[in-house]
PDB file of N, CA and C in Angstrom:
ATOM      1  N   MET A   1      -5.130 -13.201   9.781  1.00  0.00           N
ATOM      2  CA  MET A   1      -4.836 -14.320  10.636  1.00  0.00           C
ATOM      3  C   MET A   1      -3.361 -14.659  10.501  1.00  0.00           C
ATOM      4  N   ILE A   2      -2.682 -14.813  11.614  1.00  0.00           N
ATOM      5  CA  ILE A   2      -1.271 -15.165  11.606  1.00  0.00           C
ATOM      6  C   ILE A   2      -1.140 -16.595  12.099  1.00  0.00           C
ATOM      7  N   LYS A   3      -0.387 -17.396  11.333  1.00  0.00           N
ATOM      8  CA  LYS A   3      -0.165 -18.785  11.719  1.00  0.00           C
ATOM      9  C   LYS A   3       1.314 -19.004  11.967  1.00  0.00           C
ATOM     10  N   LYS A   4       1.636 -19.964  12.806  1.00  0.00           N
ATOM     11  CA  LYS A   4       3.026 -20.260  13.148  1.00  0.00           C
ATOM     12  C   LYS A   4       3.524 -21.481  12.389  1.00  0.00           C
ATOM     13  N   ASN A   5       4.747 -21.860  12.663  1.00  0.00           N
ATOM     14  CA  ASN A   5       5.377 -23.053  12.093  1.00  0.00           C
ATOM     15  C   ASN A   5       5.477 -23.013  10.579  1.00  0.00           C
ATOM     16  N   GLY A   6       5.852 -21.875  10.031  1.00  0.00           N
ATOM     17  CA  GLY A   6       6.096 -21.782   8.598  1.00  0.00           C
ATOM     18  C   GLY A   6       4.867 -21.593   7.738  1.00  0.00           C
ATOM     19  N   CYS A   7       3.681 -21.612   8.309  1.00  0.00           N
ATOM     20  CA  CYS A   7       2.481 -21.377   7.510  1.00  0.00           C
ATOM     21  C   CYS A   7       2.443 -19.904   7.105  1.00  0.00           C
ATOM     22  N   LYS A   8       1.868 -19.655   5.949  1.00  0.00           N
ATOM     23  CA  LYS A   8       1.832 -18.278   5.447  1.00  0.00           C
ATOM     24  C   LYS A   8       0.750 -17.456   6.133  1.00  0.00           C
ATOM     25  N   LEU A   9       0.975 -16.162   6.164  1.00  0.00           N
ATOM     26  CA  LEU A   9       0.033 -15.234   6.764  1.00  0.00           C
ATOM     27  C   LEU A   9      -1.045 -14.903   5.751  1.00  0.00           C
ATOM     28  N   SER A  10      -2.268 -14.720   6.209  1.00  0.00           N
ATOM     29  CA  SER A  10      -3.390 -14.592   5.280  1.00  0.00           C
ATOM     30  C   SER A  10      -3.848 -13.161   4.998  1.00  0.00           C
ATOM     31  N   MET A  11      -3.274 -12.156   5.626  1.00  0.00           N
ATOM     32  CA  MET A  11      -3.749 -10.798   5.365  1.00  0.00           C
ATOM     33  C   MET A  11      -3.388 -10.364   3.945  1.00  0.00           C
ATOM     34  N   LYS A  12      -4.310  -9.644   3.313  1.00  0.00           N
ATOM     35  CA  LYS A  12      -4.125  -9.180   1.934  1.00  0.00           C
ATOM     36  C   LYS A  12      -3.375  -7.846   1.949  1.00  0.00           C
ATOM     37  N   ILE A  13      -2.265  -7.788   1.188  1.00  0.00           N
ATOM     38  CA  ILE A  13      -1.409  -6.602   1.130  1.00  0.00           C
ATOM     39  C   ILE A  13      -1.333  -6.112  -0.309  1.00  0.00           C
ATOM     40  N   LEU A  14      -1.351  -4.787  -0.489  1.00  0.00           N
ATOM     41  CA  LEU A  14      -1.227  -4.178  -1.810  1.00  0.00           C
ATOM     42  C   LEU A  14       0.058  -3.361  -1.877  1.00  0.00           C
ATOM     43  N   ILE A  15       0.863  -3.620  -2.912  1.00  0.00           N
ATOM     44  CA  ILE A  15       2.087  -2.861  -3.179  1.00  0.00           C
ATOM     45  C   ILE A  15       1.817  -1.974  -4.388  1.00  0.00           C
ATOM     46  N   VAL A  16       2.063  -0.663  -4.254  1.00  0.00           N
ATOM     47  CA  VAL A  16       1.817   0.282  -5.349  1.00  0.00           C
ATOM     48  C   VAL A  16       3.118   1.019  -5.665  1.00  0.00           C
ATOM     49  N   ASP A  17       3.642   0.787  -6.859  1.00  0.00           N
ATOM     50  CA  ASP A  17       4.866   1.464  -7.293  1.00  0.00           C
ATOM     51  C   ASP A  17       4.955   1.360  -8.800  1.00  0.00           C
ATOM     52  N   ASP A  18       5.349   2.434  -9.460  1.00  0.00           N
ATOM     53  CA  ASP A  18       5.482   2.393 -10.914  1.00  0.00           C
ATOM     54  C   ASP A  18       6.725   1.625 -11.351  1.00  0.00           C
ATOM     55  N   ALA A  19       7.668   1.401 -10.456  1.00  0.00           N
ATOM     56  CA  ALA A  19       8.889   0.655 -10.776  1.00  0.00           C
ATOM     57  C   ALA A  19       8.687  -0.829 -10.478  1.00  0.00           C
ATOM     58  N   VAL A  20       8.694  -1.627 -11.522  1.00  0.00           N
ATOM     59  CA  VAL A  20       8.485  -3.072 -11.371  1.00  0.00           C
ATOM     60  C   VAL A  20       9.532  -3.675 -10.443  1.00  0.00           C
ATOM     61  N   ALA A  21      10.785  -3.249 -10.565  1.00  0.00           N
ATOM     62  CA  ALA A  21      11.856  -3.811  -9.737  1.00  0.00           C
ATOM     63  C   ALA A  21      11.600  -3.572  -8.249  1.00  0.00           C
ATOM     64  N   VAL A  22      11.087  -2.405  -7.912  1.00  0.00           N
ATOM     65  CA  VAL A  22      10.776  -2.106  -6.508  1.00  0.00           C
ATOM     66  C   VAL A  22       9.625  -2.976  -6.030  1.00  0.00           C
ATOM     67  N   ARG A  23       8.582  -3.101  -6.853  1.00  0.00           N
ATOM     68  CA  ARG A  23       7.445  -3.968  -6.474  1.00  0.00           C
ATOM     69  C   ARG A  23       7.926  -5.393  -6.242  1.00  0.00           C
ATOM     70  N   ARG A  24       8.770  -5.889  -7.112  1.00  0.00           N
ATOM     71  CA  ARG A  24       9.277  -7.265  -6.990  1.00  0.00           C
ATOM     72  C   ARG A  24      10.077  -7.431  -5.699  1.00  0.00           C
ATOM     73  N   GLN A  25      10.892  -6.427  -5.376  1.00  0.00           N
ATOM     74  CA  GLN A  25      11.706  -6.497  -4.168  1.00  0.00           C
ATOM     75  C   GLN A  25      10.823  -6.524  -2.917  1.00  0.00           C
ATOM     76  N   VAL A  26       9.846  -5.637  -2.848  1.00  0.00           N
ATOM     77  CA  VAL A  26       8.934  -5.611  -1.698  1.00  0.00           C
ATOM     78  C   VAL A  26       8.146  -6.919  -1.637  1.00  0.00           C
ATOM     79  N   PHE A  27       7.692  -7.402  -2.797  1.00  0.00           N
ATOM     80  CA  PHE A  27       6.966  -8.665  -2.866  1.00  0.00           C
ATOM     81  C   PHE A  27       7.813  -9.795  -2.275  1.00  0.00           C
ATOM     82  N   ARG A  28       9.080  -9.869  -2.692  1.00  0.00           N
ATOM     83  CA  ARG A  28       9.967 -10.938  -2.202  1.00  0.00           C
ATOM     84  C   ARG A  28      10.120 -10.891  -0.686  1.00  0.00           C
ATOM     85  N   VAL A  29      10.312  -9.687  -0.154  1.00  0.00           N
ATOM     86  CA  VAL A  29      10.471  -9.551   1.298  1.00  0.00           C
ATOM     87  C   VAL A  29       9.212 -10.024   2.024  1.00  0.00           C
ATOM     88  N   LEU A  30       8.052  -9.574   1.559  1.00  0.00           N
ATOM     89  CA  LEU A  30       6.792  -9.978   2.197  1.00  0.00           C
ATOM     90  C   LEU A  30       6.558 -11.476   2.057  1.00  0.00           C
ATOM     91  N   ASP A  31       6.869 -12.019   0.890  1.00  0.00           N
ATOM     92  CA  ASP A  31       6.718 -13.456   0.659  1.00  0.00           C
ATOM     93  C   ASP A  31       7.628 -14.251   1.597  1.00  0.00           C
ATOM     94  N   GLU A  32       8.869 -13.805   1.734  1.00  0.00           N
ATOM     95  CA  GLU A  32       9.807 -14.487   2.635  1.00  0.00           C
ATOM     96  C   GLU A  32       9.359 -14.397   4.091  1.00  0.00           C
ATOM     97  N   MET A  33       8.625 -13.332   4.423  1.00  0.00           N
ATOM     98  CA  MET A  33       8.093 -13.188   5.781  1.00  0.00           C
ATOM     99  C   MET A  33       6.901 -14.109   6.012  1.00  0.00           C
ATOM    100  N   GLY A  34       6.348 -14.662   4.921  1.00  0.00           N
ATOM    101  CA  GLY A  34       5.244 -15.597   5.059  1.00  0.00           C
ATOM    102  C   GLY A  34       3.900 -15.113   4.572  1.00  0.00           C
ATOM    103  N   PHE A  35       3.828 -13.922   4.017  1.00  0.00           N
ATOM    104  CA  PHE A  35       2.547 -13.428   3.507  1.00  0.00           C
ATOM    105  C   PHE A  35       2.235 -14.095   2.178  1.00  0.00           C
ATOM    106  N   LYS A  36       0.980 -14.521   2.002  1.00  0.00           N
ATOM    107  CA  LYS A  36       0.630 -15.255   0.787  1.00  0.00           C
ATOM    108  C   LYS A  36      -0.295 -14.493  -0.149  1.00  0.00           C
ATOM    109  N   SER A  37      -0.943 -13.447   0.330  1.00  0.00           N
ATOM    110  CA  SER A  37      -1.903 -12.721  -0.499  1.00  0.00           C
ATOM    111  C   SER A  37      -1.377 -11.308  -0.752  1.00  0.00           C
ATOM    112  N   ILE A  38      -0.507 -11.202  -1.768  1.00  0.00           N
ATOM    113  CA  ILE A  38       0.149  -9.940  -2.083  1.00  0.00           C
ATOM    114  C   ILE A  38      -0.281  -9.505  -3.477  1.00  0.00           C
ATOM    115  N   LEU A  39      -0.850  -8.312  -3.565  1.00  0.00           N
ATOM    116  CA  LEU A  39      -1.300  -7.759  -4.841  1.00  0.00           C
ATOM    117  C   LEU A  39      -0.364  -6.629  -5.244  1.00  0.00           C
ATOM    118  N   GLU A  40      -0.267  -6.369  -6.553  1.00  0.00           N
ATOM    119  CA  GLU A  40       0.617  -5.323  -7.052  1.00  0.00           C
ATOM    120  C   GLU A  40      -0.120  -4.399  -8.010  1.00  0.00           C
ATOM    121  N   ALA A  41       0.255  -3.117  -7.972  1.00  0.00           N
ATOM    122  CA  ALA A  41      -0.286  -2.128  -8.908  1.00  0.00           C
ATOM    123  C   ALA A  41       0.842  -1.196  -9.331  1.00  0.00           C
ATOM    124  N   GLY A  42       0.819  -0.796 -10.604  1.00  0.00           N
ATOM    125  CA  GLY A  42       1.847   0.081 -11.135  1.00  0.00           C
ATOM    126  C   GLY A  42       1.457   1.546 -11.170  1.00  0.00           C
ATOM    127  N   SER A  43       0.238   1.854 -10.709  1.00  0.00           N
ATOM    128  CA  SER A  43      -0.235   3.243 -10.714  1.00  0.00           C
ATOM    129  C   SER A  43      -1.344   3.399  -9.679  1.00  0.00           C
ATOM    130  N   VAL A  44      -1.676   4.642  -9.385  1.00  0.00           N
ATOM    131  CA  VAL A  44      -2.767   4.917  -8.455  1.00  0.00           C
ATOM    132  C   VAL A  44      -4.089   4.420  -9.033  1.00  0.00           C
ATOM    133  N   ALA A  45      -4.306   4.634 -10.324  1.00  0.00           N
ATOM    134  CA  ALA A  45      -5.553   4.180 -10.958  1.00  0.00           C
ATOM    135  C   ALA A  45      -5.694   2.666 -10.857  1.00  0.00           C
ATOM    136  N   GLU A  46      -4.611   1.953 -11.119  1.00  0.00           N
ATOM    137  CA  GLU A  46      -4.651   0.489 -11.017  1.00  0.00           C
ATOM    138  C   GLU A  46      -4.871   0.059  -9.569  1.00  0.00           C
ATOM    139  N   ALA A  47      -4.224   0.735  -8.641  1.00  0.00           N
ATOM    140  CA  ALA A  47      -4.398   0.413  -7.218  1.00  0.00           C
ATOM    141  C   ALA A  47      -5.843   0.620  -6.786  1.00  0.00           C
ATOM    142  N   TRP A  48      -6.440   1.744  -7.190  1.00  0.00           N
ATOM    143  CA  TRP A  48      -7.825   2.029  -6.810  1.00  0.00           C
ATOM    144  C   TRP A  48      -8.766   0.974  -7.374  1.00  0.00           C
ATOM    145  N   SER A  49      -8.513   0.550  -8.590  1.00  0.00           N
ATOM    146  CA  SER A  49      -9.324  -0.498  -9.208  1.00  0.00           C
ATOM    147  C   SER A  49      -9.231  -1.793  -8.403  1.00  0.00           C
ATOM    148  N   ILE A  50      -8.031  -2.142  -7.973  1.00  0.00           N
ATOM    149  CA  ILE A  50      -7.827  -3.352  -7.163  1.00  0.00           C
ATOM    150  C   ILE A  50      -8.536  -3.208  -5.818  1.00  0.00           C
ATOM    151  N   ILE A  51      -8.420  -2.059  -5.188  1.00  0.00           N
ATOM    152  CA  ILE A  51      -9.057  -1.830  -3.887  1.00  0.00           C
ATOM    153  C   ILE A  51     -10.572  -1.979  -4.004  1.00  0.00           C
ATOM    154  N   GLU A  52     -11.156  -1.364  -5.015  1.00  0.00           N
ATOM    155  CA  GLU A  52     -12.608  -1.465  -5.207  1.00  0.00           C
ATOM    156  C   GLU A  52     -13.037  -2.891  -5.535  1.00  0.00           C
ATOM    157  N   ARG A  53     -12.264  -3.580  -6.335  1.00  0.00           N
ATOM    158  CA  ARG A  53     -12.592  -4.948  -6.744  1.00  0.00           C
ATOM    159  C   ARG A  53     -12.530  -5.923  -5.574  1.00  0.00           C
ATOM    160  N   ASN A  54     -11.736  -5.634  -4.564  1.00  0.00           N
ATOM    161  CA  ASN A  54     -11.531  -6.544  -3.440  1.00  0.00           C
ATOM    162  C   ASN A  54     -12.371  -6.198  -2.221  1.00  0.00           C
ATOM    163  N   ARG A  55     -13.496  -5.548  -2.422  1.00  0.00           N
ATOM    164  CA  ARG A  55     -14.352  -5.157  -1.288  1.00  0.00           C
ATOM    165  C   ARG A  55     -14.701  -6.338  -0.385  1.00  0.00           C
ATOM    166  N   GLY A  56     -14.940  -7.491  -0.964  1.00  0.00           N
ATOM    167  CA  GLY A  56     -15.316  -8.662  -0.175  1.00  0.00           C
ATOM    168  C   GLY A  56     -14.177  -9.181   0.686  1.00  0.00           C
ATOM    169  N   GLU A  57     -12.968  -9.075   0.186  1.00  0.00           N
ATOM    170  CA  GLU A  57     -11.791  -9.519   0.933  1.00  0.00           C
ATOM    171  C   GLU A  57     -10.894  -8.302   1.108  1.00  0.00           C
ATOM    172  N   GLU A  58     -11.244  -7.491   2.063  1.00  0.00           N
ATOM    173  CA  GLU A  58     -10.615  -6.186   2.235  1.00  0.00           C
ATOM    174  C   GLU A  58      -9.097  -6.261   2.367  1.00  0.00           C
ATOM    175  N   ILE A  59      -8.453  -5.337   1.717  1.00  0.00           N
ATOM    176  CA  ILE A  59      -7.006  -5.202   1.811  1.00  0.00           C
ATOM    177  C   ILE A  59      -6.676  -4.692   3.209  1.00  0.00           C
ATOM    178  N   LYS A  60      -5.698  -5.299   3.847  1.00  0.00           N
ATOM    179  CA  LYS A  60      -5.367  -4.985   5.235  1.00  0.00           C
ATOM    180  C   LYS A  60      -4.163  -4.065   5.394  1.00  0.00           C
ATOM    181  N   LEU A  61      -3.378  -3.864   4.312  1.00  0.00           N
ATOM    182  CA  LEU A  61      -2.189  -3.022   4.399  1.00  0.00           C
ATOM    183  C   LEU A  61      -1.784  -2.587   2.998  1.00  0.00           C
ATOM    184  N   ILE A  62      -1.372  -1.316   2.867  1.00  0.00           N
ATOM    185  CA  ILE A  62      -0.908  -0.792   1.582  1.00  0.00           C
ATOM    186  C   ILE A  62       0.496  -0.222   1.752  1.00  0.00           C
ATOM    187  N   PHE A  63       1.397  -0.640   0.869  1.00  0.00           N
ATOM    188  CA  PHE A  63       2.721  -0.039   0.725  1.00  0.00           C
ATOM    189  C   PHE A  63       2.681   0.727  -0.588  1.00  0.00           C
ATOM    190  N   SER A  64       3.020   2.009  -0.575  1.00  0.00           N
ATOM    191  CA  SER A  64       2.955   2.793  -1.810  1.00  0.00           C
ATOM    192  C   SER A  64       4.162   3.701  -1.975  1.00  0.00           C
ATOM    193  N   ASP A  65       4.613   3.806  -3.213  1.00  0.00           N
ATOM    194  CA  ASP A  65       5.611   4.803  -3.570  1.00  0.00           C
ATOM    195  C   ASP A  65       4.943   6.172  -3.502  1.00  0.00           C
ATOM    196  N   TRP A  66       5.700   7.197  -3.269  1.00  0.00           N
ATOM    197  CA  TRP A  66       5.160   8.551  -3.257  1.00  0.00           C
ATOM    198  C   TRP A  66       5.130   9.117  -4.667  1.00  0.00           C
ATOM    199  N   HIS A  67       6.286   9.065  -5.335  1.00  0.00           N
ATOM    200  CA  HIS A  67       6.445   9.700  -6.648  1.00  0.00           C
ATOM    201  C   HIS A  67       6.172   8.709  -7.771  1.00  0.00           C
ATOM    202  N   MET A  68       5.045   8.903  -8.446  1.00  0.00           N
ATOM    203  CA  MET A  68       4.674   8.091  -9.604  1.00  0.00           C
ATOM    204  C   MET A  68       4.125   9.031 -10.666  1.00  0.00           C
ATOM    205  N   PRO A  69       4.212   8.644 -11.935  1.00  0.00           N
ATOM    206  CA  PRO A  69       3.635   9.485 -12.996  1.00  0.00           C
ATOM    207  C   PRO A  69       2.127   9.659 -12.789  1.00  0.00           C
ATOM    208  N   GLY A  70       1.633  10.836 -13.086  1.00  0.00           N
ATOM    209  CA  GLY A  70       0.195  11.090 -12.894  1.00  0.00           C
ATOM    210  C   GLY A  70      -0.086  11.315 -11.425  1.00  0.00           C
ATOM    211  N   GLU A  71      -0.961  10.512 -10.873  1.00  0.00           N
ATOM    212  CA  GLU A  71      -1.299  10.633  -9.453  1.00  0.00           C
ATOM    213  C   GLU A  71      -0.179  10.058  -8.591  1.00  0.00           C
ATOM    214  N   THR A  72      -0.017  10.630  -7.404  1.00  0.00           N
ATOM    215  CA  THR A  72       1.055  10.221  -6.494  1.00  0.00           C
ATOM    216  C   THR A  72       0.529   9.304  -5.390  1.00  0.00           C
ATOM    217  N   GLY A  73       1.457   8.769  -4.616  1.00  0.00           N
ATOM    218  CA  GLY A  73       1.067   7.979  -3.457  1.00  0.00           C
ATOM    219  C   GLY A  73       0.262   8.799  -2.460  1.00  0.00           C
ATOM    220  N   LEU A  74       0.583  10.086  -2.344  1.00  0.00           N
ATOM    221  CA  LEU A  74      -0.195  10.963  -1.463  1.00  0.00           C
ATOM    222  C   LEU A  74      -1.620  11.116  -1.979  1.00  0.00           C
ATOM    223  N   ASP A  75      -1.779  11.192  -3.297  1.00  0.00           N
ATOM    224  CA  ASP A  75      -3.131  11.244  -3.876  1.00  0.00           C
ATOM    225  C   ASP A  75      -3.914   9.984  -3.517  1.00  0.00           C
ATOM    226  N   LEU A  76      -3.242   8.836  -3.582  1.00  0.00           N
ATOM    227  CA  LEU A  76      -3.903   7.572  -3.234  1.00  0.00           C
ATOM    228  C   LEU A  76      -4.290   7.566  -1.760  1.00  0.00           C
ATOM    229  N   LEU A  77      -3.384   8.006  -0.899  1.00  0.00           N
ATOM    230  CA  LEU A  77      -3.679   8.072   0.533  1.00  0.00           C
ATOM    231  C   LEU A  77      -4.907   8.946   0.794  1.00  0.00           C
ATOM    232  N   LYS A  78      -4.961  10.118   0.171  1.00  0.00           N
ATOM    233  CA  LYS A  78      -6.106  11.019   0.349  1.00  0.00           C
ATOM    234  C   LYS A  78      -7.403  10.371  -0.134  1.00  0.00           C
ATOM    235  N   LYS A  79      -7.329   9.690  -1.265  1.00  0.00           N
ATOM    236  CA  LYS A  79      -8.510   9.027  -1.830  1.00  0.00           C
ATOM    237  C   LYS A  79      -9.016   7.936  -0.885  1.00  0.00           C
ATOM    238  N   ILE A  80      -8.097   7.168  -0.345  1.00  0.00           N
ATOM    239  CA  ILE A  80      -8.459   6.091   0.581  1.00  0.00           C
ATOM    240  C   ILE A  80      -9.060   6.665   1.865  1.00  0.00           C
ATOM    241  N   ARG A  81      -8.441   7.698   2.398  1.00  0.00           N
ATOM    242  CA  ARG A  81      -8.932   8.288   3.652  1.00  0.00           C
ATOM    243  C   ARG A  81     -10.291   8.956   3.485  1.00  0.00           C
ATOM    244  N   SER A  82     -10.651   9.339   2.271  1.00  0.00           N
ATOM    245  CA  SER A  82     -11.946   9.989   2.051  1.00  0.00           C
ATOM    246  C   SER A  82     -13.075   8.993   1.794  1.00  0.00           C
ATOM    247  N   HIS A  83     -12.744   7.709   1.691  1.00  0.00           N
ATOM    248  CA  HIS A  83     -13.753   6.685   1.413  1.00  0.00           C
ATOM    249  C   HIS A  83     -14.116   5.963   2.710  1.00  0.00           C
ATOM    250  N   PRO A  84     -15.393   5.951   3.091  1.00  0.00           N
ATOM    251  CA  PRO A  84     -15.785   5.363   4.379  1.00  0.00           C
ATOM    252  C   PRO A  84     -15.463   3.877   4.529  1.00  0.00           C
ATOM    253  N   LYS A  85     -15.461   3.139   3.442  1.00  0.00           N
ATOM    254  CA  LYS A  85     -15.178   1.702   3.548  1.00  0.00           C
ATOM    255  C   LYS A  85     -13.685   1.404   3.673  1.00  0.00           C
ATOM    256  N   PHE A  86     -12.851   2.256   3.109  1.00  0.00           N
ATOM    257  CA  PHE A  86     -11.419   1.968   3.038  1.00  0.00           C
ATOM    258  C   PHE A  86     -10.561   2.854   3.940  1.00  0.00           C
ATOM    259  N   ASN A  87     -11.157   3.817   4.635  1.00  0.00           N
ATOM    260  CA  ASN A  87     -10.358   4.832   5.320  1.00  0.00           C
ATOM    261  C   ASN A  87      -9.548   4.344   6.517  1.00  0.00           C
ATOM    262  N   LYS A  88      -9.732   3.108   6.923  1.00  0.00           N
ATOM    263  CA  LYS A  88      -8.977   2.569   8.058  1.00  0.00           C
ATOM    264  C   LYS A  88      -7.815   1.671   7.620  1.00  0.00           C
ATOM    265  N   ILE A  89      -7.633   1.487   6.317  1.00  0.00           N
ATOM    266  CA  ILE A  89      -6.550   0.618   5.843  1.00  0.00           C
ATOM    267  C   ILE A  89      -5.207   1.260   6.195  1.00  0.00           C
ATOM    268  N   PRO A  90      -4.340   0.551   6.920  1.00  0.00           N
ATOM    269  CA  PRO A  90      -3.009   1.086   7.215  1.00  0.00           C
ATOM    270  C   PRO A  90      -2.236   1.352   5.919  1.00  0.00           C
ATOM    271  N   PHE A  91      -1.508   2.448   5.895  1.00  0.00           N
ATOM    272  CA  PHE A  91      -0.836   2.911   4.680  1.00  0.00           C
ATOM    273  C   PHE A  91       0.598   3.279   5.022  1.00  0.00           C
ATOM    274  N   ILE A  92       1.541   2.652   4.340  1.00  0.00           N
ATOM    275  CA  ILE A  92       2.962   2.920   4.547  1.00  0.00           C
ATOM    276  C   ILE A  92       3.544   3.443   3.242  1.00  0.00           C
ATOM    277  N   MET A  93       4.226   4.582   3.314  1.00  0.00           N
ATOM    278  CA  MET A  93       4.816   5.198   2.134  1.00  0.00           C
ATOM    279  C   MET A  93       6.267   4.742   1.998  1.00  0.00           C
ATOM    280  N   LEU A  94       6.606   4.221   0.821  1.00  0.00           N
ATOM    281  CA  LEU A  94       7.977   3.823   0.507  1.00  0.00           C
ATOM    282  C   LEU A  94       8.544   4.893  -0.420  1.00  0.00           C
ATOM    283  N   THR A  95       9.435   5.719   0.089  1.00  0.00           N
ATOM    284  CA  THR A  95       9.875   6.861  -0.706  1.00  0.00           C
ATOM    285  C   THR A  95      11.175   7.453  -0.182  1.00  0.00           C
ATOM    286  N   THR A  96      11.768   8.266  -1.016  1.00  0.00           N
ATOM    287  CA  THR A  96      12.930   9.045  -0.596  1.00  0.00           C
ATOM    288  C   THR A  96      12.536  10.499  -0.344  1.00  0.00           C
ATOM    289  N   GLU A  97      11.241  10.785  -0.402  1.00  0.00           N
ATOM    290  CA  GLU A  97      10.741  12.154  -0.176  1.00  0.00           C
ATOM    291  C   GLU A  97      11.224  12.654   1.182  1.00  0.00           C
ATOM    292  N   GLN A  98      11.831  13.842   1.187  1.00  0.00           N
ATOM    293  CA  GLN A  98      12.357  14.389   2.437  1.00  0.00           C
ATOM    294  C   GLN A  98      11.834  15.784   2.762  1.00  0.00           C
ATOM    295  N   GLU A  99      10.986  16.333   1.902  1.00  0.00           N
ATOM    296  CA  GLU A  99      10.463  17.674   2.162  1.00  0.00           C
ATOM    297  C   GLU A  99       9.510  17.623   3.353  1.00  0.00           C
ATOM    298  N   LYS A 100       9.878  18.335   4.410  1.00  0.00           N
ATOM    299  CA  LYS A 100       9.154  18.274   5.675  1.00  0.00           C
ATOM    300  C   LYS A 100       7.669  18.584   5.525  1.00  0.00           C
ATOM    301  N   SER A 101       7.316  19.597   4.738  1.00  0.00           N
ATOM    302  CA  SER A 101       5.902  19.976   4.598  1.00  0.00           C
ATOM    303  C   SER A 101       5.081  18.855   3.957  1.00  0.00           C
ATOM    304  N   LYS A 102       5.674  18.130   3.029  1.00  0.00           N
ATOM    305  CA  LYS A 102       4.965  17.017   2.385  1.00  0.00           C
ATOM    306  C   LYS A 102       4.775  15.858   3.359  1.00  0.00           C
ATOM    307  N   ILE A 103       5.794  15.589   4.150  1.00  0.00           N
ATOM    308  CA  ILE A 103       5.701  14.509   5.137  1.00  0.00           C
ATOM    309  C   ILE A 103       4.632  14.845   6.182  1.00  0.00           C
ATOM    310  N   ILE A 104       4.596  16.093   6.603  1.00  0.00           N
ATOM    311  CA  ILE A 104       3.575  16.532   7.564  1.00  0.00           C
ATOM    312  C   ILE A 104       2.183  16.404   6.955  1.00  0.00           C
ATOM    313  N   GLU A 105       2.050  16.769   5.685  1.00  0.00           N
ATOM    314  CA  GLU A 105       0.756  16.635   5.008  1.00  0.00           C
ATOM    315  C   GLU A 105       0.313  15.173   4.971  1.00  0.00           C
ATOM    316  N   ALA A 106       1.236  14.274   4.644  1.00  0.00           N
ATOM    317  CA  ALA A 106       0.902  12.846   4.612  1.00  0.00           C
ATOM    318  C   ALA A 106       0.499  12.355   5.998  1.00  0.00           C
ATOM    319  N   ALA A 107       1.213  12.795   7.021  1.00  0.00           N
ATOM    320  CA  ALA A 107       0.874  12.402   8.394  1.00  0.00           C
ATOM    321  C   ALA A 107      -0.518  12.898   8.763  1.00  0.00           C
ATOM    322  N   HIS A 108      -0.875  14.079   8.287  1.00  0.00           N
ATOM    323  CA  HIS A 108      -2.206  14.642   8.532  1.00  0.00           C
ATOM    324  C   HIS A 108      -3.305  13.726   7.979  1.00  0.00           C
ATOM    325  N   PHE A 109      -3.007  13.015   6.898  1.00  0.00           N
ATOM    326  CA  PHE A 109      -3.985  12.112   6.290  1.00  0.00           C
ATOM    327  C   PHE A 109      -3.875  10.683   6.820  1.00  0.00           C
ATOM    328  N   GLY A 110      -3.172  10.495   7.913  1.00  0.00           N
ATOM    329  CA  GLY A 110      -3.166   9.201   8.571  1.00  0.00           C
ATOM    330  C   GLY A 110      -2.153   8.212   8.043  1.00  0.00           C
ATOM    331  N   LEU A 111      -1.024   8.686   7.584  1.00  0.00           N
ATOM    332  CA  LEU A 111       0.049   7.798   7.148  1.00  0.00           C
ATOM    333  C   LEU A 111       0.572   7.036   8.359  1.00  0.00           C
ATOM    334  N   GLN A 112       0.652   5.704   8.270  1.00  0.00           N
ATOM    335  CA  GLN A 112       1.119   4.905   9.402  1.00  0.00           C
ATOM    336  C   GLN A 112       2.632   4.739   9.425  1.00  0.00           C
ATOM    337  N   GLY A 113       3.264   4.853   8.289  1.00  0.00           N
ATOM    338  CA  GLY A 113       4.709   4.657   8.252  1.00  0.00           C
ATOM    339  C   GLY A 113       5.308   5.331   7.047  1.00  0.00           C
ATOM    340  N   TYR A 114       6.618   5.601   7.148  1.00  0.00           N
ATOM    341  CA  TYR A 114       7.296   6.352   6.112  1.00  0.00           C
ATOM    342  C   TYR A 114       8.672   5.778   5.931  1.00  0.00           C
TER     343      TYR A 114
END
């Protein structure tokens, strides 16, 4: 739900990045835009736990880093797209990844933004 006149936006957003400074920066931008329900995760495992825990109040948008220790943002995208309850969540990758084949692979899995 979007409200006007300075009221905050109610959609739930998840930021996934192993770098705390990047998460804080994205959080600040979204907060300044008026979003009030912003969740953060430092890894794919933590993000998946948050996604599963929030089934009742579905996450409406995910911003994720591509390169993280262990599982990557692409791994998270694939996991989300393979789950019937979560496969429609818009997913935006925040990354400096420039390898064309990887970008094409992410697009194949329904990446909404890069």
